[in-house]
């Protein structure tokens, strides 16, 4: 499985950036969304403050948005916080 996220830790926060510019377009394999979702879930298992930086992302499918909603719910259950920044219009 290819690594699809870049992470940094600092001052109680894990910062996550996407490697892919396009997350699931019609030409991509649906497994990409599953891989990214699983990688996100494992990264936040022990982190309650998460910053998701979307600087590199040009397109994100609705399936990936569903993964982000689930991620937010998982973090919320442990009274954590998810911040998403640098979204393209």
Protein backbone atom coordinates (compact mmCIF):
# COMPACT_ATOMS: atom_id res chain seq x y z
CA UNK A 1 0.00 0.00 0.00
CA UNK A 2 1.42 3.39 -1.00
CA UNK A 3 1.72 6.08 1.62
CA UNK A 4 -0.83 8.76 0.75
CA UNK A 5 -0.37 11.14 3.70
CA UNK A 6 2.51 13.17 5.10
CA UNK A 7 2.48 13.83 8.83
CA UNK A 8 4.21 16.10 11.29
CA UNK A 9 3.75 16.38 15.02
CA UNK A 10 4.07 19.55 16.97
CA UNK A 11 2.84 20.98 20.27
CA UNK A 12 0.13 18.40 20.86
CA UNK A 13 -1.19 18.50 17.29
CA UNK A 14 -0.72 16.08 14.42
CA UNK A 15 -0.57 17.84 11.05
CA UNK A 16 -1.61 15.72 8.08
CA UNK A 17 -1.15 16.61 4.40
CA UNK A 18 -2.41 14.67 1.40
CA UNK A 19 0.13 13.40 -1.16
CA UNK A 20 -2.41 13.08 -3.99
CA UNK A 21 -3.68 16.15 -5.87
CA UNK A 22 -6.77 14.29 -7.07
CA UNK A 23 -8.53 12.01 -4.64
CA UNK A 24 -10.72 9.60 -6.55
CA UNK A 25 -11.63 10.82 -9.98
CA UNK A 26 -13.27 8.55 -12.60
CA UNK A 27 -9.85 7.31 -13.76
CA UNK A 28 -8.69 6.27 -10.27
CA UNK A 29 -9.10 3.02 -8.43
CA UNK A 30 -11.76 3.18 -5.70
CA UNK A 31 -9.23 1.60 -3.32
CA UNK A 32 -7.47 4.97 -3.09
CA UNK A 33 -10.25 6.34 -0.87
CA UNK A 34 -10.19 3.24 1.35
CA UNK A 35 -6.40 3.43 1.70
CA UNK A 36 -6.46 7.09 2.65
CA UNK A 37 -9.34 6.55 5.08
CA UNK A 38 -7.56 3.67 6.82
CA UNK A 39 -4.32 5.64 6.99
CA UNK A 40 -6.15 8.65 8.49
CA UNK A 41 -7.94 6.51 11.07
CA UNK A 42 -4.71 4.84 12.20
CA UNK A 43 -2.90 8.18 12.47
CA UNK A 44 -5.51 9.76 14.70
CA UNK A 45 -6.02 6.76 16.96
CA UNK A 46 -3.83 8.35 19.65
CA UNK A 47 -4.17 12.01 18.66
CA UNK A 48 -7.07 14.20 19.66
CA UNK A 49 -5.94 17.42 17.99
CA UNK A 50 -5.66 17.03 14.22
CA UNK A 51 -4.96 19.61 11.52
CA UNK A 52 -5.75 18.35 8.02
CA UNK A 53 -3.96 20.54 5.47
CA UNK A 54 -5.50 20.27 1.99
CA UNK A 55 -3.03 22.58 0.20
CA UNK A 56 -2.11 20.01 -2.46
CA UNK A 57 -5.64 18.75 -3.11
CA UNK A 58 -7.26 19.95 -6.32
CA UNK A 59 -10.23 17.56 -6.30
CA UNK A 60 -11.82 15.34 -3.65
CA UNK A 61 -14.69 12.94 -4.30
CA UNK A 62 -17.75 12.59 -2.12
CA UNK A 63 -16.55 9.19 -0.87
CA UNK A 64 -13.50 10.90 0.63
CA UNK A 65 -15.71 13.54 2.21
CA UNK A 66 -17.56 10.67 3.88
CA UNK A 67 -14.24 9.44 5.28
CA UNK A 68 -13.57 12.92 6.69
CA UNK A 69 -16.99 12.97 8.35
CA UNK A 70 -16.22 9.61 9.95
CA UNK A 71 -12.81 10.91 11.01
CA UNK A 72 -14.44 13.91 12.66
CA UNK A 73 -16.87 11.62 14.51
CA UNK A 74 -14.01 9.40 15.76
CA UNK A 75 -12.07 12.40 17.02
CA UNK A 76 -15.21 13.90 18.56
CA UNK A 77 -15.87 10.74 20.58
CA UNK A 78 -12.66 11.37 22.51
CA UNK A 79 -13.41 15.09 22.83
CA UNK A 80 -10.80 15.98 20.25
CA UNK A 81 -10.75 18.52 17.47
CA UNK A 82 -10.36 18.25 13.71
CA UNK A 83 -9.45 21.37 11.76
CA UNK A 84 -9.39 21.29 7.96
CA UNK A 85 -7.50 24.11 6.24
CA UNK A 86 -6.43 25.32 2.79
CA UNK A 87 -9.40 23.96 0.88
CA UNK A 88 -9.57 24.97 -2.76
CA UNK A 89 -12.90 26.39 -3.97
